[in-house]
N, C-alpha and C. Protein backbone atom coordinates (compact mmCIF):
# COMPACT_ATOMS: atom_id res chain seq x y z
N MET A 1 9.25 16.41 -8.87
CA MET A 1 9.53 15.60 -7.59
C MET A 1 10.71 17.45 -6.99
N HIS A 2 10.90 17.94 -6.20
CA HIS A 2 11.70 18.77 -5.24
C HIS A 2 12.32 17.87 -4.37
N LEU A 3 13.54 17.25 -3.90
CA LEU A 3 14.18 16.51 -3.29
C LEU A 3 14.83 17.64 -2.30
N LEU A 4 13.74 17.72 -1.06
CA LEU A 4 14.85 18.22 0.03
C LEU A 4 15.63 17.87 0.84
N LEU A 5 15.35 16.58 1.51
CA LEU A 5 16.32 15.80 2.25
C LEU A 5 16.66 14.21 2.24
N SER A 6 17.82 13.74 2.02
CA SER A 6 17.91 12.63 1.83
C SER A 6 19.21 12.06 1.94
N GLY A 7 19.18 10.60 3.02
CA GLY A 7 20.08 10.11 2.74
C GLY A 7 20.79 8.64 3.68
N ILE A 8 21.43 8.21 3.62
CA ILE A 8 21.75 6.90 3.66
C ILE A 8 21.06 6.57 4.95
N VAL A 9 19.98 5.37 4.99
CA VAL A 9 19.04 4.77 6.80
C VAL A 9 19.73 3.31 6.71
N GLY A 10 18.86 2.71 7.73
CA GLY A 10 19.35 1.01 7.83
C GLY A 10 20.02 1.11 8.48
N SER A 11 20.29 -0.53 8.11
CA SER A 11 21.65 -1.42 9.15
C SER A 11 22.81 -0.41 8.47
N THR A 12 23.46 -0.20 7.08
CA THR A 12 24.64 1.15 7.18
C THR A 12 24.89 2.25 8.10
N ALA A 13 23.51 3.06 8.54
CA ALA A 13 23.71 4.01 9.40
C ALA A 13 23.96 3.51 10.75
N TYR A 14 22.85 2.49 10.94
CA TYR A 14 23.31 1.39 12.49
C TYR A 14 24.60 1.18 12.67
N GLY A 15 25.30 0.55 11.39
CA GLY A 15 26.67 0.29 11.77
C GLY A 15 26.57 -1.28 12.19
N LEU A 16 25.09 -1.84 11.19
CA LEU A 16 25.21 -3.35 11.32
C LEU A 16 25.36 -4.00 10.20
N ALA A 17 25.41 -3.05 9.06
CA ALA A 17 26.02 -3.86 7.93
C ALA A 17 26.83 -5.11 7.72
N GLY A 18 26.53 -5.95 7.05
CA GLY A 18 27.40 -6.82 6.75
C GLY A 18 28.04 -6.79 4.69
N PRO A 19 28.45 -8.01 4.57
CA PRO A 19 29.29 -7.58 3.52
C PRO A 19 28.00 -7.96 2.18
N ASP A 20 26.93 -8.45 2.46
CA ASP A 20 25.61 -8.62 1.63
C ASP A 20 24.43 -7.66 2.05
N SER A 21 24.79 -6.97 2.70
CA SER A 21 24.07 -5.91 3.34
C SER A 21 23.58 -4.93 1.71
N ASP A 22 21.74 -4.99 1.76
CA ASP A 22 21.33 -3.72 0.39
C ASP A 22 21.80 -2.12 1.56
N VAL A 23 22.11 -1.24 0.65
CA VAL A 23 22.10 -0.12 1.12
C VAL A 23 20.47 0.68 1.33
N ASP A 24 20.50 1.40 1.94
CA ASP A 24 19.02 2.22 1.85
C ASP A 24 18.82 3.26 1.59
N ARG A 25 18.29 4.01 1.37
CA ARG A 25 18.47 5.55 1.07
C ARG A 25 17.05 5.94 1.58
N LEU A 26 16.08 7.24 1.91
CA LEU A 26 15.09 7.85 2.16
C LEU A 26 15.42 9.41 2.62
N GLY A 27 14.31 9.45 1.68
CA GLY A 27 14.14 10.63 1.20
C GLY A 27 13.11 11.97 1.20
N VAL A 28 12.99 13.16 1.66
CA VAL A 28 11.96 13.85 1.43
C VAL A 28 11.74 14.96 0.66
N PHE A 29 10.38 14.52 -0.54
CA PHE A 29 10.39 15.63 -1.46
C PHE A 29 9.02 16.38 -1.26
N ALA A 30 8.65 17.57 -1.99
CA ALA A 30 7.89 18.35 -1.87
C ALA A 30 7.35 18.37 -3.72
N VAL A 31 6.49 18.30 -3.80
CA VAL A 31 5.59 18.50 -5.18
C VAL A 31 5.26 19.55 -5.57
N PRO A 32 4.87 20.06 -6.65
CA PRO A 32 4.55 21.63 -6.40
C PRO A 32 3.37 21.88 -6.68
N THR A 33 3.42 23.29 -5.62
CA THR A 33 2.05 23.38 -5.07
C THR A 33 0.88 23.24 -5.68
N ALA A 34 1.27 24.05 -7.07
CA ALA A 34 -0.04 23.74 -7.78
C ALA A 34 -0.54 22.42 -8.44
N ALA A 35 0.01 21.61 -7.81
CA ALA A 35 -0.69 19.86 -8.66
C ALA A 35 -1.20 19.40 -6.96
N LEU A 36 -1.39 20.09 -6.18
CA LEU A 36 -2.45 19.42 -5.57
C LEU A 36 -3.67 20.19 -5.49
N HIS A 37 -3.56 21.43 -6.52
CA HIS A 37 -5.17 21.52 -6.60
C HIS A 37 -5.78 21.27 -7.87
N GLY A 38 -5.24 20.03 -8.59
CA GLY A 38 -5.94 19.37 -9.47
C GLY A 38 -7.20 18.01 -9.35
N LEU A 39 -7.57 17.87 -10.10
CA LEU A 39 -8.60 16.95 -9.68
C LEU A 39 -7.71 15.61 -9.37
N ARG A 40 -6.36 15.20 -9.54
CA ARG A 40 -5.88 14.17 -9.34
C ARG A 40 -4.95 14.79 -8.47
N GLU A 41 -4.59 13.94 -7.23
CA GLU A 41 -4.00 13.86 -6.63
C GLU A 41 -2.37 13.11 -6.73
N PRO A 42 -1.21 13.72 -6.69
CA PRO A 42 0.26 13.57 -7.03
C PRO A 42 0.77 11.99 -6.10
N LYS A 43 1.47 11.41 -6.54
CA LYS A 43 1.91 10.35 -5.67
C LYS A 43 2.50 11.15 -4.45
N ASP A 44 2.50 10.25 -3.33
CA ASP A 44 2.56 10.87 -2.02
C ASP A 44 4.37 9.71 -1.42
N SER A 45 4.66 8.59 -2.59
CA SER A 45 5.47 7.96 -2.39
C SER A 45 6.10 7.94 -3.65
N GLU A 46 7.56 7.72 -3.97
CA GLU A 46 8.25 7.01 -4.65
C GLU A 46 8.97 5.89 -3.88
N VAL A 47 8.95 4.53 -4.72
CA VAL A 47 9.28 3.57 -3.85
C VAL A 47 10.64 2.86 -4.73
N SER A 48 11.80 2.32 -4.97
CA SER A 48 12.29 1.54 -5.73
C SER A 48 12.91 0.71 -5.01
N THR A 49 13.67 -0.46 -5.83
CA THR A 49 14.46 -1.63 -5.37
C THR A 49 15.65 -1.62 -6.02
N ASN A 50 16.75 -1.87 -5.82
CA ASN A 50 18.11 -1.81 -6.68
C ASN A 50 18.45 -0.80 -7.65
N PRO A 51 18.66 -0.05 -7.09
CA PRO A 51 18.65 0.46 -5.41
C PRO A 51 17.51 0.44 -4.37
N ASP A 52 17.81 0.41 -3.38
CA ASP A 52 16.72 0.78 -2.65
C ASP A 52 16.76 2.29 -1.99
N VAL A 53 15.72 2.71 -2.43
CA VAL A 53 14.87 4.17 -2.34
C VAL A 53 13.57 4.17 -2.23
N ALA A 54 13.59 4.89 -0.71
CA ALA A 54 11.90 5.40 -0.63
C ALA A 54 11.90 6.79 -0.43
N LEU A 55 11.18 7.64 -1.25
CA LEU A 55 10.98 8.83 -0.76
C LEU A 55 9.50 9.19 -0.59
N HIS A 56 9.49 10.19 0.80
CA HIS A 56 8.20 10.39 0.79
C HIS A 56 7.46 12.06 0.62
N GLU A 57 6.43 12.65 0.31
CA GLU A 57 5.93 13.51 0.03
C GLU A 57 5.99 14.07 0.92
N ALA A 58 6.16 15.64 1.09
CA ALA A 58 6.21 16.13 2.51
C ALA A 58 5.53 16.29 3.46
N LYS A 59 4.07 16.33 2.98
CA LYS A 59 2.95 16.52 3.81
C LYS A 59 3.05 14.51 4.70
N LYS A 60 3.09 13.61 3.53
CA LYS A 60 3.05 11.82 4.49
C LYS A 60 4.23 11.72 4.81
N PHE A 61 5.36 12.47 4.70
CA PHE A 61 6.55 12.28 5.75
C PHE A 61 6.47 12.92 7.22
N ALA A 62 5.59 14.01 7.08
CA ALA A 62 5.01 14.68 8.60
C ALA A 62 4.08 13.88 9.30
N ARG A 63 3.55 13.36 8.50
CA ARG A 63 2.45 12.84 9.53
C ARG A 63 2.84 11.42 9.81
N LEU A 64 3.59 10.82 8.86
CA LEU A 64 4.22 9.55 9.32
C LEU A 64 5.20 10.21 10.49
N ALA A 65 6.31 10.87 10.49
CA ALA A 65 7.16 11.45 11.29
C ALA A 65 6.27 11.92 13.15
N LEU A 66 4.78 12.02 12.51
CA LEU A 66 4.31 12.65 14.06
C LEU A 66 3.87 11.76 14.74
N GLY A 67 3.88 10.01 13.92
CA GLY A 67 3.77 9.01 14.28
C GLY A 67 4.67 8.53 15.16
N THR A 68 5.83 9.12 14.88
CA THR A 68 7.47 8.88 15.31
C THR A 68 7.21 6.99 14.59
N ASN A 69 7.53 7.19 13.17
CA ASN A 69 7.48 6.37 12.57
C ASN A 69 8.84 5.64 12.86
N PRO A 70 9.62 4.71 13.26
CA PRO A 70 10.94 4.90 13.62
C PRO A 70 11.96 4.89 12.12
N THR A 71 11.16 4.10 11.38
CA THR A 71 12.03 4.29 9.73
C THR A 71 12.13 5.53 9.66
N VAL A 72 11.00 5.97 9.55
CA VAL A 72 11.13 7.53 8.53
C VAL A 72 11.85 8.67 9.83
N SER A 73 11.37 8.29 10.93
CA SER A 73 11.88 9.25 11.73
C SER A 73 13.23 9.44 11.85
N GLU A 74 13.84 8.24 12.04
CA GLU A 74 15.77 8.82 11.42
C GLU A 74 16.24 8.92 10.53
N LEU A 75 15.61 9.82 9.39
CA LEU A 75 16.05 10.73 8.50
C LEU A 75 16.44 11.30 9.40
N MET A 76 15.75 12.48 10.32
CA MET A 76 16.08 13.76 10.56
C MET A 76 17.20 13.31 12.02
N TRP A 77 18.25 12.68 11.78
CA TRP A 77 18.51 12.41 12.91
C TRP A 77 20.12 11.63 12.41
N LEU A 78 20.16 11.41 11.30
CA LEU A 78 21.60 11.28 10.52
C LEU A 78 22.67 11.99 10.77
N GLU A 79 24.24 11.36 10.74
CA GLU A 79 24.99 11.86 11.34
C GLU A 79 25.70 12.68 9.65
N GLY A 80 24.97 12.57 8.54
CA GLY A 80 25.25 13.74 7.50
C GLY A 80 24.16 13.24 6.33
N TYR A 81 24.17 13.65 5.40
CA TYR A 81 23.23 13.62 4.30
C TYR A 81 23.90 13.61 2.55
N GLU A 82 23.01 13.10 2.01
CA GLU A 82 23.59 13.08 0.64
C GLU A 82 23.25 14.33 -0.24
N THR A 83 21.60 15.00 0.28
CA THR A 83 20.82 16.30 0.17
C THR A 83 20.43 16.66 0.69
N LYS A 84 20.59 18.20 1.06
CA LYS A 84 20.05 18.74 2.40
C LYS A 84 19.79 20.22 1.81
N THR A 85 18.55 20.92 1.57
CA THR A 85 17.77 22.06 0.90
C THR A 85 18.12 22.63 2.13
N PRO A 86 17.83 24.40 1.88
CA PRO A 86 17.67 24.75 3.39
C PRO A 86 16.16 24.52 3.61
N LEU A 87 15.05 24.10 3.14
CA LEU A 87 13.85 23.51 3.60
C LEU A 87 14.30 22.19 4.18
N GLY A 88 15.32 21.34 3.85
CA GLY A 88 15.97 20.02 5.00
C GLY A 88 16.57 20.73 5.80
N GLU A 89 17.19 21.49 5.93
CA GLU A 89 18.00 21.78 6.57
C GLU A 89 17.24 22.27 7.90
N GLU A 90 15.76 23.34 7.74
CA GLU A 90 15.06 23.23 8.58
C GLU A 90 13.89 22.04 8.87
N LEU A 91 13.99 21.19 8.51
CA LEU A 91 13.12 19.84 8.96
C LEU A 91 14.00 19.34 9.76
N VAL A 92 15.78 19.15 9.82
CA VAL A 92 16.13 18.61 10.85
C VAL A 92 16.03 19.37 12.08
N GLY A 93 16.13 20.86 11.41
CA GLY A 93 15.80 21.63 12.63
C GLY A 93 14.36 21.89 13.87
N ILE A 94 13.54 21.24 13.28
CA ILE A 94 12.65 20.95 14.17
C ILE A 94 12.07 19.36 14.04
N ARG A 95 13.11 18.56 14.54
CA ARG A 95 12.91 17.08 14.34
C ARG A 95 12.70 16.69 15.95
N ARG A 96 12.33 17.64 16.90
CA ARG A 96 11.94 17.38 18.53
C ARG A 96 10.79 17.86 18.35
N ALA A 97 10.42 18.49 17.52
CA ALA A 97 8.31 19.23 17.31
C ALA A 97 7.64 18.12 17.55
N PHE A 98 8.32 16.79 16.40
CA PHE A 98 7.71 15.46 15.84
C PHE A 98 7.35 14.23 16.98
N LEU A 99 8.49 14.91 17.65
CA LEU A 99 8.31 13.52 19.32
C LEU A 99 6.86 13.91 20.16
N SER A 100 6.91 12.70 20.75
CA SER A 100 5.79 12.95 22.12
C SER A 100 6.40 11.53 22.54
N ALA A 101 6.03 11.78 24.10
CA ALA A 101 6.78 10.42 25.02
C ALA A 101 5.93 9.59 24.79
N PRO A 102 4.56 9.56 24.71
CA PRO A 102 3.59 7.91 24.62
C PRO A 102 3.76 7.45 22.78
N ALA A 103 4.50 8.55 21.69
CA ALA A 103 4.21 7.84 20.81
C ALA A 103 5.31 7.43 20.45
N VAL A 104 7.01 7.51 21.44
CA VAL A 104 8.00 7.12 21.18
C VAL A 104 7.90 6.50 21.75
N GLY A 105 7.32 5.55 22.91
CA GLY A 105 7.24 4.23 23.53
C GLY A 105 6.48 3.02 22.66
N ASN A 106 5.30 3.87 22.41
CA ASN A 106 4.47 2.80 21.79
C ASN A 106 5.36 2.52 20.27
N ALA A 107 5.74 3.69 19.29
CA ALA A 107 6.45 3.11 18.21
C ALA A 107 7.21 2.04 18.14
N TYR A 108 8.18 2.93 18.92
CA TYR A 108 9.82 1.36 18.97
C TYR A 108 9.48 0.42 19.89
N LEU A 109 8.63 0.35 20.72
CA LEU A 109 8.42 -0.94 21.24
C LEU A 109 7.43 -2.27 20.59
N GLY A 110 6.47 -0.94 20.18
CA GLY A 110 5.52 -1.72 18.90
C GLY A 110 6.31 -2.49 18.02
N TYR A 111 7.54 -1.57 16.92
CA TYR A 111 7.78 -2.45 16.15
C TYR A 111 8.79 -3.42 16.64
N ALA A 112 9.34 -3.37 17.61
CA ALA A 112 10.00 -4.74 18.08
C ALA A 112 9.43 -6.03 18.90
N TYR A 113 8.15 -5.37 19.14
CA TYR A 113 7.17 -6.62 19.39
C TYR A 113 7.28 -7.02 18.10
N GLN A 114 7.06 -6.75 17.01
CA GLN A 114 6.45 -7.13 15.74
C GLN A 114 7.65 -8.01 15.02
N GLN A 115 8.79 -7.37 15.30
CA GLN A 115 10.23 -8.47 14.95
C GLN A 115 10.32 -9.59 16.16
N LEU A 116 9.68 -9.21 16.67
CA LEU A 116 9.83 -10.60 18.01
C LEU A 116 8.49 -11.91 17.69
N GLN A 117 7.43 -11.08 16.76
CA GLN A 117 6.68 -11.50 16.45
C GLN A 117 6.69 -12.53 14.62
N LYS A 118 7.17 -12.09 14.36
CA LYS A 118 8.20 -12.91 13.10
C LYS A 118 8.78 -13.96 13.77
N LEU A 119 9.61 -14.05 14.61
CA LEU A 119 10.92 -14.98 15.25
C LEU A 119 9.83 -16.30 15.59
N ILE A 120 8.78 -16.10 17.17
CA ILE A 120 8.00 -16.93 17.18
C ILE A 120 7.16 -17.49 16.41
N ASN A 121 6.69 -16.80 15.64
CA ASN A 121 5.73 -17.35 14.51
C ASN A 121 6.62 -18.21 13.25
N ARG A 122 7.34 -18.56 13.21
CA ARG A 122 8.47 -19.55 12.53
C ARG A 122 8.05 -20.64 12.45
N GLY A 123 7.62 -21.12 13.55
CA GLY A 123 7.19 -22.85 13.76
C GLY A 123 5.73 -23.37 13.78
N ASN A 124 5.21 -22.44 13.23
CA ASN A 124 3.07 -22.18 13.30
C ASN A 124 2.55 -22.12 11.84
N GLY A 125 3.11 -22.52 10.92
CA GLY A 125 2.80 -22.29 9.58
C GLY A 125 2.19 -21.12 9.09
N SER A 126 2.91 -20.31 9.76
CA SER A 126 2.33 -18.64 9.13
C SER A 126 3.29 -18.60 8.14
N PHE A 127 3.26 -17.24 7.71
CA PHE A 127 4.04 -16.43 6.45
C PHE A 127 5.57 -16.65 7.09
N SER A 128 6.25 -16.58 8.46
CA SER A 128 7.46 -16.47 8.53
C SER A 128 7.82 -18.04 8.99
N ALA A 129 7.22 -18.94 8.58
CA ALA A 129 7.18 -19.92 9.29
C ALA A 129 8.48 -20.75 8.26
N ASP A 130 8.97 -20.41 7.45
CA ASP A 130 9.96 -20.06 6.74
C ASP A 130 11.55 -19.91 6.39
N ILE A 131 11.44 -18.66 7.70
CA ILE A 131 12.55 -17.52 7.58
C ILE A 131 13.98 -18.78 7.67
N PRO A 132 14.47 -17.89 6.78
CA PRO A 132 16.22 -18.53 7.02
C PRO A 132 17.12 -17.87 7.99
N GLU A 133 18.11 -19.04 8.95
CA GLU A 133 18.67 -18.56 9.43
C GLU A 133 19.19 -16.70 9.62
N ARG A 134 19.72 -16.72 8.63
CA ARG A 134 20.09 -15.09 8.69
C ARG A 134 19.20 -14.10 8.87
N ARG A 135 17.58 -14.29 8.31
CA ARG A 135 16.83 -13.03 8.22
C ARG A 135 16.23 -13.04 9.64
N ALA A 136 16.29 -14.69 10.06
CA ALA A 136 15.87 -14.85 11.32
C ALA A 136 16.87 -13.46 12.34
N GLU A 137 18.18 -13.79 12.05
CA GLU A 137 19.26 -12.83 12.85
C GLU A 137 18.97 -11.40 12.36
N LYS A 138 18.51 -11.50 11.08
CA LYS A 138 18.35 -9.84 11.46
C LYS A 138 16.89 -9.32 12.00
N HIS A 139 15.86 -10.23 12.02
CA HIS A 139 14.64 -9.58 12.54
C HIS A 139 14.98 -9.46 14.55
N ALA A 140 16.05 -10.43 14.85
CA ALA A 140 16.52 -10.17 16.33
C ALA A 140 17.54 -8.95 16.73
N ARG A 141 18.53 -8.86 15.46
CA ARG A 141 19.00 -7.55 16.01
C ARG A 141 18.21 -5.97 15.55
N HIS A 142 17.28 -5.77 14.43
CA HIS A 142 16.34 -4.92 14.72
C HIS A 142 15.43 -5.05 15.85
N LEU A 143 15.28 -5.94 16.71
CA LEU A 143 14.65 -6.06 17.78
C LEU A 143 15.46 -5.04 18.90
N VAL A 144 16.46 -5.78 19.32
CA VAL A 144 17.23 -5.36 19.70
C VAL A 144 17.77 -3.62 19.88
N ARG A 145 17.82 -3.67 18.62
CA ARG A 145 18.35 -1.84 18.62
C ARG A 145 17.10 -1.15 18.53
N LEU A 146 15.94 -1.27 18.04
CA LEU A 146 14.55 -0.80 18.58
C LEU A 146 14.28 -0.02 19.84
N VAL A 147 14.75 -1.08 20.57
CA VAL A 147 14.40 -1.19 22.04
C VAL A 147 15.45 -0.27 22.46
N GLU A 148 17.04 -0.34 22.08
CA GLU A 148 17.66 0.65 22.79
C GLU A 148 17.42 1.83 22.11
N GLN A 149 17.54 1.83 20.90
CA GLN A 149 17.07 3.14 20.36
C GLN A 149 16.04 3.83 20.81
N GLY A 150 14.56 3.32 20.79
CA GLY A 150 13.88 3.50 21.76
C GLY A 150 13.47 4.36 22.79
N GLU A 151 14.00 3.50 23.90
CA GLU A 151 14.06 3.74 24.98
C GLU A 151 15.52 4.91 25.46
N ARG A 152 16.52 4.74 24.47
CA ARG A 152 17.19 6.31 24.88
C ARG A 152 16.74 7.57 24.00
N LEU A 153 16.00 7.69 23.14
CA LEU A 153 14.96 8.48 22.55
C LEU A 153 14.08 8.76 23.96
N TYR A 154 13.22 7.81 24.61
CA TYR A 154 12.10 8.05 25.51
C TYR A 154 13.03 9.05 26.84
N THR A 155 14.16 8.76 26.99
CA THR A 155 14.29 8.88 28.11
C THR A 155 15.62 10.46 28.04
N THR A 156 15.96 10.66 26.90
CA THR A 156 16.65 11.61 26.94
C THR A 156 16.39 12.72 25.68
N GLY A 157 15.41 12.75 24.82
CA GLY A 157 14.72 13.07 23.61
C GLY A 157 15.78 13.59 22.61
N HIS A 158 16.81 12.54 22.65
CA HIS A 158 17.51 12.40 21.60
C HIS A 158 18.02 10.85 20.66
N LEU A 159 17.56 10.68 19.75
CA LEU A 159 17.57 9.60 18.91
C LEU A 159 19.07 9.64 18.53
N VAL A 160 19.59 8.29 18.95
CA VAL A 160 21.26 8.10 18.18
C VAL A 160 21.09 7.14 17.58
N VAL A 161 21.63 7.22 16.18
CA VAL A 161 21.04 5.98 14.76
C VAL A 161 22.23 5.31 15.01
N ARG A 162 23.42 5.62 14.95
CA ARG A 162 24.76 5.09 14.84
C ARG A 162 24.74 4.12 16.21
N LEU A 163 24.60 3.15 16.60
CA LEU A 163 25.48 2.28 17.17
C LEU A 163 26.43 2.08 18.05
N THR A 164 26.45 2.08 19.08
CA THR A 164 27.93 2.16 19.90
C THR A 164 28.42 0.68 19.87
N ASP A 165 27.75 0.01 20.05
CA ASP A 165 28.61 -1.77 19.67
C ASP A 165 27.55 -2.48 19.09
N PRO A 166 27.34 -2.55 18.08
CA PRO A 166 26.98 -3.20 16.79
C PRO A 166 27.53 -4.90 17.05
N ASP A 167 28.87 -5.49 17.73
CA ASP A 167 29.02 -6.54 17.75
C ASP A 167 27.53 -7.17 18.93
N ARG A 168 27.51 -6.37 20.08
CA ARG A 168 26.90 -6.58 21.27
C ARG A 168 25.30 -7.04 20.42
N ILE A 169 25.13 -5.89 19.93
CA ILE A 169 23.59 -6.56 19.18
C ILE A 169 23.53 -7.36 18.30
N ARG A 170 24.60 -7.84 17.63
CA ARG A 170 24.70 -8.84 16.82
C ARG A 170 24.30 -10.30 17.68
N ALA A 171 25.55 -10.22 18.86
CA ALA A 171 25.34 -11.28 19.31
C ALA A 171 23.87 -11.28 20.77
N THR A 172 23.23 -10.19 21.13
CA THR A 172 22.12 -10.92 21.80
C THR A 172 21.26 -10.60 20.87
N GLY A 173 21.27 -10.73 19.77
CA GLY A 173 19.96 -11.18 18.41
C GLY A 173 20.22 -12.72 18.32
N ARG A 174 21.56 -13.41 18.22
CA ARG A 174 21.83 -14.78 18.20
C ARG A 174 20.92 -14.98 19.21
N ALA A 175 20.71 -14.39 20.03
CA ALA A 175 20.73 -15.55 21.43
C ALA A 175 19.11 -15.34 21.90
N ILE A 176 18.33 -14.03 21.25
CA ILE A 176 16.97 -14.17 21.01
C ILE A 176 16.06 -14.91 20.03
N VAL A 177 17.01 -15.36 18.63
CA VAL A 177 16.88 -16.28 17.99
C VAL A 177 16.38 -17.76 18.65
N ASN A 178 17.54 -17.65 19.20
CA ASN A 178 17.36 -19.23 20.45
C ASN A 178 16.66 -19.45 21.41
N ASP A 179 16.08 -18.15 21.93
CA ASP A 179 15.56 -18.20 23.03
C ASP A 179 14.49 -16.70 22.82
N PRO A 180 13.58 -17.19 21.93
CA PRO A 180 12.79 -15.72 22.26
C PRO A 180 12.13 -15.51 22.97
N GLN A 181 11.86 -15.97 24.21
CA GLN A 181 11.17 -14.89 25.41
C GLN A 181 12.21 -13.92 25.87
N ALA A 182 13.55 -14.16 25.31
CA ALA A 182 14.80 -13.25 26.49
C ALA A 182 14.59 -12.08 25.20
N GLY A 183 13.74 -12.07 24.12
CA GLY A 183 13.11 -10.82 23.11
C GLY A 183 12.34 -10.03 24.07
N MET A 184 11.61 -11.02 24.33
CA MET A 184 10.25 -10.45 25.27
C MET A 184 10.64 -9.61 26.43
N ASP A 185 11.61 -10.71 27.17
CA ASP A 185 11.97 -10.13 28.88
C ASP A 185 12.52 -8.67 28.25
N LEU A 186 13.29 -8.28 27.50
CA LEU A 186 14.11 -7.27 26.43
C LEU A 186 13.18 -6.15 26.59
N ILE A 187 12.21 -6.60 25.60
CA ILE A 187 11.14 -5.56 25.42
C ILE A 187 10.37 -4.86 27.08
N GLU A 188 9.93 -6.09 27.84
CA GLU A 188 8.90 -5.95 28.73
C GLU A 188 10.04 -4.81 29.98
N ASP A 189 11.21 -5.44 29.66
CA ASP A 189 12.02 -4.46 31.01
C ASP A 189 12.69 -3.55 30.67
N ALA A 190 12.62 -2.91 29.33
CA ALA A 190 12.70 -1.49 28.60
C ALA A 190 11.42 -1.09 29.03
N LYS A 191 10.19 -1.20 28.76
CA LYS A 191 9.32 -1.06 29.43
C LYS A 191 9.16 -0.16 30.76
N ASP A 192 9.59 -1.51 31.28
CA ASP A 192 9.10 -1.32 33.05
C ASP A 192 10.36 0.41 33.14
N ARG A 193 11.88 0.29 32.93
CA ARG A 193 12.50 1.64 32.98
C ARG A 193 12.14 2.37 32.40
N MET A 194 11.36 2.66 31.15
CA MET A 194 10.87 3.67 30.65
C MET A 194 9.80 4.57 31.75
N LYS A 195 9.10 3.79 32.37
CA LYS A 195 7.88 4.44 32.93
C LYS A 195 8.77 4.51 34.61
N THR A 196 10.11 4.11 35.03
CA THR A 196 10.35 4.51 36.09
C THR A 196 10.89 5.83 35.49
N HIS A 197 12.20 5.67 34.79
CA HIS A 197 12.95 6.64 34.42
C HIS A 197 11.57 8.36 34.20
N GLY A 198 10.97 8.20 33.23
CA GLY A 198 10.05 8.80 32.71
C GLY A 198 11.03 9.81 31.59
N SER A 199 10.15 10.69 30.81
CA SER A 199 11.35 11.60 29.76
C SER A 199 10.70 12.99 29.30
N PRO A 200 12.19 13.50 29.03
CA PRO A 200 11.23 15.03 28.83
C PRO A 200 10.53 15.37 27.68
N LEU A 201 10.48 14.53 27.15
CA LEU A 201 9.42 14.68 25.82
C LEU A 201 7.57 14.94 26.65
N PRO A 202 7.43 15.87 25.68
CA PRO A 202 5.67 16.56 25.67
C PRO A 202 5.12 15.04 26.01
N ASN A 203 3.95 15.27 26.08
CA ASN A 203 2.50 14.28 25.73
C ASN A 203 2.00 14.21 24.33
N GLU A 204 2.25 15.40 23.60
CA GLU A 204 1.92 15.77 22.64
C GLU A 204 2.68 16.49 21.50
N PRO A 205 3.18 15.67 20.10
CA PRO A 205 3.91 16.48 19.53
C PRO A 205 3.41 18.06 18.93
N ASP A 206 4.74 18.79 18.71
CA ASP A 206 3.87 20.34 18.38
C ASP A 206 3.88 20.85 16.73
N THR A 207 2.58 20.10 16.78
CA THR A 207 2.30 19.84 15.69
C THR A 207 1.77 21.58 14.80
N ALA A 208 1.86 22.45 15.35
CA ALA A 208 1.81 24.07 14.86
C ALA A 208 3.37 24.16 13.89
N THR A 209 4.32 24.01 14.94
CA THR A 209 5.70 23.96 14.48
C THR A 209 5.68 23.17 13.25
N VAL A 210 5.23 22.04 13.32
CA VAL A 210 5.37 21.61 11.70
C VAL A 210 4.43 21.96 10.59
N GLU A 211 3.44 22.04 10.76
CA GLU A 211 2.44 22.60 10.11
C GLU A 211 2.86 24.49 9.68
N LYS A 212 3.95 24.98 10.67
CA LYS A 212 4.19 26.27 9.95
C LYS A 212 5.36 25.74 8.95
N TRP A 213 6.58 24.35 9.28
CA TRP A 213 7.63 24.44 8.27
C TRP A 213 6.85 24.02 6.78
N LEU A 214 5.62 22.81 6.99
CA LEU A 214 5.06 22.56 5.56
C LEU A 214 4.83 23.83 4.31
N LEU A 215 4.08 24.75 5.76
CA LEU A 215 3.16 25.60 5.03
C LEU A 215 4.41 26.78 3.78
N ARG A 216 5.75 26.67 4.48
CA ARG A 216 6.91 27.19 3.99
C ARG A 216 7.17 26.62 3.05
N VAL A 217 7.02 25.11 2.99
CA VAL A 217 7.06 24.20 1.70
C VAL A 217 6.26 24.52 0.63
N ARG A 218 5.10 24.66 1.03
CA ARG A 218 3.93 24.47 -0.11
C ARG A 218 4.26 26.45 -0.59
N ALA A 219 4.69 27.06 0.18
CA ALA A 219 4.48 28.44 -0.59
C ALA A 219 5.89 28.58 -1.64
N HIS A 220 7.13 28.16 -1.06
CA HIS A 220 8.19 27.85 -1.79
C HIS A 220 8.22 27.78 -3.29
N TYR A 221 7.51 26.44 -3.68
CA TYR A 221 6.84 26.09 -4.63
C TYR A 221 5.57 26.14 -4.83
N TYR A 222 5.29 26.95 -5.27
CA TYR A 222 4.05 27.80 -5.80
C TYR A 222 4.61 28.74 -6.79
N GLN A 223 3.59 27.82 -8.02
CA GLN A 223 3.82 28.85 -8.98
C GLN A 223 2.45 29.13 -9.27
N GLU A 224 1.73 30.05 -10.37
CA GLU A 224 0.69 30.03 -11.00
C GLU A 224 0.68 29.79 -11.86
N PRO A 225 -0.45 28.54 -11.70
CA PRO A 225 -0.45 27.76 -13.11
C PRO A 225 -0.40 28.23 -14.54
N GLN A 226 0.29 27.23 -15.53
CA GLN A 226 -0.14 28.11 -16.83
C GLN A 226 -1.74 28.28 -17.70
N THR A 227 -1.89 29.42 -17.99
CA THR A 227 -3.50 29.23 -18.32
C THR A 227 -3.55 29.10 -19.64
């Protein structure tokens, strides 16, 4: 495994971490190119807990980021990194190539809606019926964060990972726990504003630029296999 880019993501990066919050790390790595030519596909992710680390192989990372997966995409927009190789630097440099207006709107508001559903389903016997209060507030905070980050990314073409007013996000989240309809209103209002404002982002991501980066990764880590 060749680690290209890694950093601290999640609540710590957002400014929402509390005393008991985990420190989440995310990274992108490359396998030796020759390993892709054999009978067995190499693993495309390495995930561990305690500490919480998720690493994705370059091709998988690119595919997830092209769908504007919020959890994956934020890696390219951090203020600082624990690991950043020249190829990792290139990845950060082409981060806008992964973006498209439809994908940003669908992904961020879609993930926010998933957080809302976990809150709504607490009382109907579903898997989330017994969510403790602290966990419910976490879902609500991330709902608010996803809506605000997604709207800003959609309307400006720039993702700000670090929240400017974490206390307001927490307060809004607590209100949504008590009144889930307020969460639905937040999502729908953002959707309406995004339609009205429009986006500087294109309708399709720049897959050619992303593929050129991936091919540079493959070329860099290619060695003739031993005979």
